[in-house]
N, C-alpha and C. Protein backbone atom coordinates (compact mmCIF):
# COMPACT_ATOMS: atom_id res chain seq x y z
N MET A 1 -69.25 -178.04 243.62
CA MET A 1 -67.93 -177.10 242.95
C MET A 1 -68.69 -177.41 240.84
N LEU A 2 -69.78 -178.31 240.91
CA LEU A 2 -70.33 -178.14 239.52
C LEU A 2 -71.72 -176.86 239.26
N SER A 3 -71.93 -175.91 241.02
CA SER A 3 -72.76 -175.31 240.60
C SER A 3 -72.12 -173.92 240.50
N ARG A 4 -70.59 -174.18 241.08
CA ARG A 4 -70.04 -173.01 240.70
C ARG A 4 -69.47 -172.73 239.63
N LEU A 5 -69.35 -174.18 239.36
CA LEU A 5 -68.74 -174.24 237.37
C LEU A 5 -70.11 -173.85 236.79
N LEU A 6 -71.14 -174.23 236.81
CA LEU A 6 -72.21 -173.50 236.67
C LEU A 6 -72.28 -171.89 236.38
N ARG A 7 -72.41 -171.69 237.54
CA ARG A 7 -72.50 -170.09 237.75
C ARG A 7 -71.19 -169.25 237.35
N GLU A 8 -69.98 -169.90 237.37
CA GLU A 8 -69.15 -169.31 236.33
C GLU A 8 -68.92 -169.12 234.96
N HIS A 9 -69.49 -170.74 234.52
CA HIS A 9 -70.36 -170.42 233.10
C HIS A 9 -71.41 -169.88 232.81
N GLN A 10 -71.86 -169.73 233.59
CA GLN A 10 -73.23 -168.48 232.86
C GLN A 10 -72.55 -167.45 233.08
N ALA A 11 -71.68 -166.64 234.01
CA ALA A 11 -71.69 -165.49 234.09
C ALA A 11 -70.57 -164.97 233.46
N LYS A 12 -70.14 -165.90 232.90
CA LYS A 12 -68.86 -165.82 231.28
C LYS A 12 -70.05 -165.64 230.60
N GLN A 13 -70.81 -166.64 230.52
CA GLN A 13 -72.33 -166.10 228.63
C GLN A 13 -72.58 -165.17 228.94
N SER A 14 -73.08 -164.68 230.35
CA SER A 14 -73.85 -163.32 230.23
C SER A 14 -72.54 -162.38 229.46
N GLU A 15 -71.65 -162.05 230.28
CA GLU A 15 -70.32 -161.30 229.87
C GLU A 15 -70.45 -161.26 228.34
N ARG A 16 -70.08 -162.45 227.92
CA ARG A 16 -69.79 -162.70 226.46
C ARG A 16 -71.37 -161.97 225.68
N LYS A 17 -72.28 -162.31 226.25
CA LYS A 17 -73.55 -162.16 225.63
C LYS A 17 -73.68 -160.11 225.23
N GLU A 18 -73.44 -159.93 226.45
CA GLU A 18 -73.17 -158.24 226.81
C GLU A 18 -72.18 -157.58 226.13
N LEU A 19 -70.75 -158.22 226.04
CA LEU A 19 -70.45 -157.76 225.05
C LEU A 19 -70.32 -158.01 223.12
N GLN A 20 -71.21 -158.54 223.42
CA GLN A 20 -71.43 -159.46 221.81
C GLN A 20 -72.49 -158.19 221.54
N GLU A 21 -73.56 -157.93 222.70
CA GLU A 21 -74.21 -157.15 222.34
C GLU A 21 -74.12 -155.55 222.42
N ARG A 22 -73.17 -155.49 223.29
CA ARG A 22 -72.45 -153.81 223.36
C ARG A 22 -71.69 -154.18 221.81
N ARG A 23 -70.73 -154.49 221.38
CA ARG A 23 -70.15 -155.04 219.99
C ARG A 23 -70.99 -154.58 218.75
N ARG A 24 -72.13 -155.09 219.06
CA ARG A 24 -73.31 -154.86 217.69
C ARG A 24 -73.62 -153.87 217.89
N ARG A 25 -73.78 -153.06 219.05
CA ARG A 25 -74.92 -151.67 219.03
C ARG A 25 -73.69 -150.63 218.53
N GLU A 26 -72.11 -150.71 218.54
CA GLU A 26 -71.41 -149.92 217.96
C GLU A 26 -71.28 -150.33 216.84
N ALA A 27 -70.86 -151.68 215.91
CA ALA A 27 -70.82 -151.59 214.92
C ALA A 27 -71.88 -150.83 214.14
N ILE A 28 -73.44 -150.94 215.05
CA ILE A 28 -74.63 -150.14 214.24
C ILE A 28 -74.42 -149.08 214.26
N ALA A 29 -74.24 -149.40 215.18
CA ALA A 29 -73.66 -147.07 215.19
C ALA A 29 -72.72 -146.82 214.02
N ALA A 30 -71.53 -147.68 213.92
CA ALA A 30 -70.60 -146.92 213.18
C ALA A 30 -70.81 -147.45 211.92
N ALA A 31 -71.71 -148.02 211.37
CA ALA A 31 -72.34 -148.51 210.59
C ALA A 31 -73.39 -147.16 210.10
N THR A 32 -74.05 -146.74 210.87
CA THR A 32 -74.87 -145.40 211.04
C THR A 32 -74.02 -144.55 210.26
N CYS A 33 -73.04 -144.06 211.20
CA CYS A 33 -72.21 -143.23 211.16
C CYS A 33 -71.27 -143.11 209.70
N VAL A 34 -71.12 -144.48 209.50
CA VAL A 34 -70.45 -144.38 208.10
C VAL A 34 -71.39 -143.81 206.80
N THR A 35 -72.87 -144.43 206.92
CA THR A 35 -74.13 -143.97 206.38
C THR A 35 -74.35 -142.91 205.96
N GLU A 36 -74.41 -141.97 207.08
CA GLU A 36 -74.71 -140.62 207.64
C GLU A 36 -73.53 -140.05 206.45
N ALA A 37 -72.13 -140.05 206.70
CA ALA A 37 -71.32 -139.69 206.31
C ALA A 37 -71.50 -139.65 204.84
N LEU A 38 -71.62 -140.92 204.08
CA LEU A 38 -72.02 -141.17 202.64
C LEU A 38 -72.89 -140.26 202.21
N VAL A 39 -73.61 -140.24 202.53
CA VAL A 39 -75.37 -139.88 202.08
C VAL A 39 -74.82 -137.92 202.65
N ASP A 40 -74.13 -137.93 203.76
CA ASP A 40 -74.07 -136.05 203.64
C ASP A 40 -72.84 -135.91 202.80
N HIS A 41 -72.03 -136.57 202.20
CA HIS A 41 -70.68 -136.05 201.48
C HIS A 41 -71.78 -136.44 199.48
N LEU A 42 -72.56 -137.08 199.63
CA LEU A 42 -73.23 -136.79 198.10
C LEU A 42 -74.10 -136.04 198.45
N ASN A 43 -74.89 -135.81 198.93
CA ASN A 43 -75.87 -134.33 199.50
C ASN A 43 -74.95 -133.46 199.05
N VAL A 44 -73.48 -132.80 199.68
CA VAL A 44 -73.36 -132.04 198.98
C VAL A 44 -73.23 -131.83 197.95
N GLY A 45 -72.78 -133.31 197.02
CA GLY A 45 -72.75 -132.85 195.93
C GLY A 45 -73.86 -132.65 194.73
N VAL A 46 -74.66 -132.86 195.33
CA VAL A 46 -75.73 -133.44 194.41
C VAL A 46 -76.36 -132.08 194.52
N ALA A 47 -76.33 -131.51 195.91
CA ALA A 47 -76.52 -129.84 196.40
C ALA A 47 -75.55 -128.68 195.66
N GLN A 48 -74.42 -128.90 194.88
CA GLN A 48 -73.57 -128.46 194.20
C GLN A 48 -74.46 -128.53 192.67
N ALA A 49 -74.43 -129.57 192.51
CA ALA A 49 -74.89 -129.80 191.21
C ALA A 49 -76.21 -129.27 190.81
N TYR A 50 -76.89 -128.89 191.94
CA TYR A 50 -77.87 -128.00 191.58
C TYR A 50 -78.02 -127.15 191.65
N VAL A 51 -77.18 -126.07 192.64
CA VAL A 51 -76.68 -124.88 192.72
C VAL A 51 -76.12 -124.22 190.90
N ASN A 52 -74.92 -125.38 190.91
CA ASN A 52 -74.81 -125.25 189.23
C ASN A 52 -75.93 -125.42 187.85
N GLN A 53 -76.40 -126.11 188.11
CA GLN A 53 -77.41 -125.87 187.25
C GLN A 53 -78.58 -124.78 187.06
N ARG A 54 -78.61 -124.16 188.55
CA ARG A 54 -79.37 -123.16 188.26
C ARG A 54 -78.50 -122.07 188.01
N LYS A 55 -77.03 -121.93 188.20
CA LYS A 55 -77.11 -120.72 187.44
C LYS A 55 -76.66 -120.71 186.01
N LEU A 56 -76.10 -122.09 185.12
CA LEU A 56 -76.33 -122.43 184.30
C LEU A 56 -77.78 -122.07 183.54
N ASP A 57 -78.71 -122.56 183.97
CA ASP A 57 -79.92 -122.22 183.71
C ASP A 57 -80.49 -120.60 183.23
N HIS A 58 -79.39 -119.97 184.96
CA HIS A 58 -80.01 -118.27 184.83
C HIS A 58 -78.78 -118.02 183.47
N GLU A 59 -77.62 -118.27 183.41
CA GLU A 59 -76.71 -117.57 182.40
C GLU A 59 -77.20 -118.26 180.52
N VAL A 60 -77.64 -118.91 180.74
CA VAL A 60 -78.79 -120.05 179.12
C VAL A 60 -79.84 -118.37 179.02
N LYS A 61 -80.41 -118.17 179.94
CA LYS A 61 -81.47 -117.06 179.90
C LYS A 61 -81.61 -116.22 179.62
N THR A 62 -80.30 -115.60 179.94
CA THR A 62 -78.96 -114.20 179.75
C THR A 62 -78.62 -114.38 178.60
N LEU A 63 -77.96 -114.98 178.36
CA LEU A 63 -77.21 -115.68 176.78
C LEU A 63 -78.71 -115.60 175.75
N GLN A 64 -79.97 -116.27 176.06
CA GLN A 64 -81.01 -115.81 175.14
C GLN A 64 -80.98 -114.74 174.94
N ILE A 65 -81.77 -114.03 175.91
CA ILE A 65 -82.13 -112.73 175.90
C ILE A 65 -80.85 -111.57 174.87
N GLN A 66 -79.82 -111.42 175.30
CA GLN A 66 -78.28 -110.99 174.68
C GLN A 66 -78.27 -111.31 173.67
N ALA A 67 -78.71 -112.68 172.92
CA ALA A 67 -78.31 -113.13 171.14
C ALA A 67 -79.61 -112.66 170.74
N ALA A 68 -80.69 -112.33 171.24
CA ALA A 68 -81.79 -112.03 170.88
C ALA A 68 -81.49 -110.54 170.76
N GLN A 69 -81.43 -109.67 171.30
CA GLN A 69 -80.97 -108.38 171.85
C GLN A 69 -79.70 -108.07 170.04
N PHE A 70 -78.77 -108.85 170.14
CA PHE A 70 -77.76 -108.76 168.75
C PHE A 70 -78.65 -109.30 167.89
N ALA A 71 -78.70 -109.65 167.75
CA ALA A 71 -80.09 -110.19 166.20
C ALA A 71 -80.46 -109.12 166.28
N LYS A 72 -81.54 -108.20 166.59
CA LYS A 72 -82.65 -107.27 166.80
C LYS A 72 -81.69 -106.33 166.04
N GLN A 73 -79.91 -105.68 166.77
CA GLN A 73 -79.27 -105.00 166.39
C GLN A 73 -78.38 -105.38 165.21
N THR A 74 -78.50 -106.57 165.11
CA THR A 74 -78.00 -106.63 163.88
C THR A 74 -78.83 -106.40 163.08
N GLY A 75 -79.85 -106.77 162.29
CA GLY A 75 -80.71 -106.72 161.73
C GLY A 75 -80.87 -104.73 161.24
N GLN A 76 -80.89 -104.09 162.73
CA GLN A 76 -81.00 -102.96 162.21
C GLN A 76 -79.81 -102.10 161.74
N TRP A 77 -78.56 -103.18 162.26
CA TRP A 77 -77.44 -102.04 160.86
C TRP A 77 -77.17 -102.60 159.63
N ILE A 78 -77.64 -104.22 159.53
CA ILE A 78 -77.96 -104.13 158.01
C ILE A 78 -78.59 -103.40 157.60
N SER A 79 -80.05 -102.89 158.24
CA SER A 79 -80.61 -102.25 157.34
C SER A 79 -80.48 -100.33 156.91
N MET A 80 -79.70 -100.08 157.98
CA MET A 80 -78.60 -98.82 157.59
C MET A 80 -77.64 -98.90 156.99
N VAL A 81 -77.13 -99.80 156.76
CA VAL A 81 -76.15 -100.20 155.63
C VAL A 81 -76.91 -100.08 154.30
N GLU A 82 -77.80 -101.24 154.19
CA GLU A 82 -78.44 -101.20 152.70
C GLU A 82 -79.34 -100.05 152.94
N ASN A 83 -79.58 -99.27 153.58
CA ASN A 83 -80.22 -97.49 153.32
C ASN A 83 -78.87 -96.63 152.57
N PHE A 84 -77.78 -96.93 153.64
CA PHE A 84 -76.32 -95.93 153.18
C PHE A 84 -76.41 -96.22 151.41
N ASN A 85 -76.11 -97.56 151.11
CA ASN A 85 -75.64 -98.44 149.67
C ASN A 85 -76.78 -97.45 149.12
N GLN A 86 -77.87 -97.59 149.24
CA GLN A 86 -79.07 -97.06 148.51
C GLN A 86 -78.43 -95.52 148.11
N ALA A 87 -78.41 -95.10 148.56
CA ALA A 87 -78.15 -93.35 149.50
C ALA A 87 -77.01 -93.19 148.72
N LEU A 88 -75.71 -93.96 148.12
CA LEU A 88 -74.84 -93.98 147.19
C LEU A 88 -75.29 -94.25 146.22
N LYS A 89 -76.17 -95.09 145.82
CA LYS A 89 -76.26 -95.59 144.20
C LYS A 89 -77.18 -94.06 144.45
N GLU A 90 -77.82 -93.58 145.00
CA GLU A 90 -78.89 -92.22 144.33
C GLU A 90 -77.75 -91.29 143.97
N ILE A 91 -76.57 -90.89 145.08
CA ILE A 91 -75.62 -90.12 145.07
C ILE A 91 -74.74 -90.56 143.21
N GLY A 92 -74.96 -91.81 142.81
CA GLY A 92 -73.83 -91.63 141.93
C GLY A 92 -74.90 -91.51 140.67
N ASP A 93 -76.33 -92.07 140.82
CA ASP A 93 -77.10 -91.61 139.46
C ASP A 93 -77.60 -90.13 139.35
N VAL A 94 -77.48 -89.20 140.42
CA VAL A 94 -77.03 -88.09 140.11
C VAL A 94 -75.70 -87.55 139.99
N GLU A 95 -74.34 -88.09 140.08
CA GLU A 95 -73.50 -87.62 139.19
C GLU A 95 -73.76 -87.85 137.97
N ASN A 96 -74.36 -89.09 137.75
CA ASN A 96 -74.24 -89.44 136.24
C ASN A 96 -75.08 -88.76 135.39
N TRP A 97 -76.50 -88.37 136.21
CA TRP A 97 -76.97 -87.42 135.43
C TRP A 97 -76.75 -86.28 135.37
N ALA A 98 -75.46 -85.40 136.42
CA ALA A 98 -75.21 -83.97 136.70
C ALA A 98 -73.77 -84.42 135.19
N ARG A 99 -73.45 -85.42 135.05
CA ARG A 99 -72.52 -85.38 133.91
C ARG A 99 -73.26 -85.26 132.70
N SER A 100 -74.14 -86.53 132.61
CA SER A 100 -74.53 -85.90 131.21
C SER A 100 -75.18 -85.04 130.40
N ILE A 101 -75.89 -83.88 131.70
CA ILE A 101 -76.38 -83.59 131.45
C ILE A 101 -75.31 -82.07 131.69
N GLU A 102 -74.27 -82.00 132.22
CA GLU A 102 -73.29 -81.23 131.44
C GLU A 102 -72.99 -81.35 129.68
N MET A 103 -72.96 -82.38 129.86
CA MET A 103 -71.65 -83.03 128.27
C MET A 103 -73.29 -82.26 127.71
N ASP A 104 -74.02 -82.61 127.63
CA ASP A 104 -75.42 -82.13 126.76
C ASP A 104 -75.12 -80.72 126.99
N MET A 105 -74.94 -80.13 127.76
CA MET A 105 -74.95 -78.38 127.82
C MET A 105 -73.67 -78.09 126.89
N ARG A 106 -72.72 -78.19 127.62
CA ARG A 106 -71.42 -78.56 126.30
C ARG A 106 -71.62 -78.84 124.83
N THR A 107 -71.83 -79.84 124.65
CA THR A 107 -72.66 -79.77 122.79
C THR A 107 -73.39 -78.76 122.62
N ILE A 108 -74.84 -78.09 123.38
CA ILE A 108 -75.44 -77.16 123.18
C ILE A 108 -74.38 -75.83 123.63
N ALA A 109 -74.39 -75.74 123.91
CA ALA A 109 -72.74 -74.66 124.20
C ALA A 109 -71.56 -74.02 122.88
N THR A 110 -70.83 -75.59 122.61
CA THR A 110 -70.33 -75.66 121.51
C THR A 110 -71.39 -75.09 119.88
N ALA A 111 -72.51 -76.03 119.87
CA ALA A 111 -73.23 -75.60 118.59
C ALA A 111 -73.46 -74.04 118.50
N LEU A 112 -73.97 -73.34 119.72
CA LEU A 112 -74.63 -72.25 119.70
C LEU A 112 -72.85 -71.66 119.56
N GLU A 113 -72.17 -71.80 120.19
CA GLU A 113 -70.97 -71.00 119.63
C GLU A 113 -70.77 -70.87 117.77
N TYR A 114 -70.60 -72.44 117.44
CA TYR A 114 -70.58 -72.49 116.27
C TYR A 114 -71.45 -71.71 115.53
N VAL A 115 -72.67 -71.85 115.75
CA VAL A 115 -73.38 -71.04 114.73
C VAL A 115 -73.27 -69.21 115.44
N TYR A 116 -72.68 -69.21 116.42
CA TYR A 116 -72.55 -67.49 116.55
C TYR A 116 -71.67 -67.41 115.82
N LYS A 117 -70.10 -68.15 115.41
CA LYS A 117 -69.14 -67.35 114.88
C LYS A 117 -69.94 -67.76 113.70
N GLY A 118 -70.37 -68.73 113.09
CA GLY A 118 -70.76 -68.75 111.53
C GLY A 118 -71.51 -67.93 111.32
N GLN A 119 -72.40 -66.31 112.07
CA GLN A 119 -73.27 -65.85 111.91
C GLN A 119 -72.32 -64.41 111.66
N LEU A 120 -70.72 -64.28 112.70
CA LEU A 120 -70.27 -63.66 112.46
C LEU A 120 -69.54 -63.43 110.95
N GLN A 121 -68.70 -64.41 110.97
CA GLN A 121 -67.69 -64.31 109.79
C GLN A 121 -68.68 -64.33 108.55
N PRO A 122 -69.54 -64.57 108.05
CA PRO A 122 -70.48 -63.66 106.73
C PRO A 122 -70.52 -62.33 106.74
N SER A 123 -71.04 -61.80 107.80
CA SER A 123 -71.64 -60.23 108.02
C SER A 123 -69.99 -59.51 108.00
N THR A 124 -69.08 -60.03 108.69
CA THR A 124 -67.75 -59.46 108.08
C THR A 124 -66.80 -59.71 106.74
N THR A 125 -67.30 -60.39 105.71
CA THR A 125 -66.25 -60.60 104.99
C THR A 125 -67.13 -59.85 103.84
């Protein structure tokens, strides 16, 4: 009877050890699955962040190139406007010069007319 009780006790202990070992393996497997799922989830986020960073870097380079081109074009426009302003000033100067010449010519014409009329009057009287 004691030997039977001993064998039953040892059998139950063996079953408990196997059950405990199986549960331990299941717990380890579940922990591994959870860990892998968390790592995969984090890796997806990290991978997306990396992709976004590469896109941003590309956009920054494109924007820098476009900004440089815009600055160059703006400089050209400024130069054109300055040249246009200079041409307008020169036209204004020519216009003033022409007015001055016209006034001088009128003065000369008036003086010549006066002299001519003055020469005609004494000879007619």
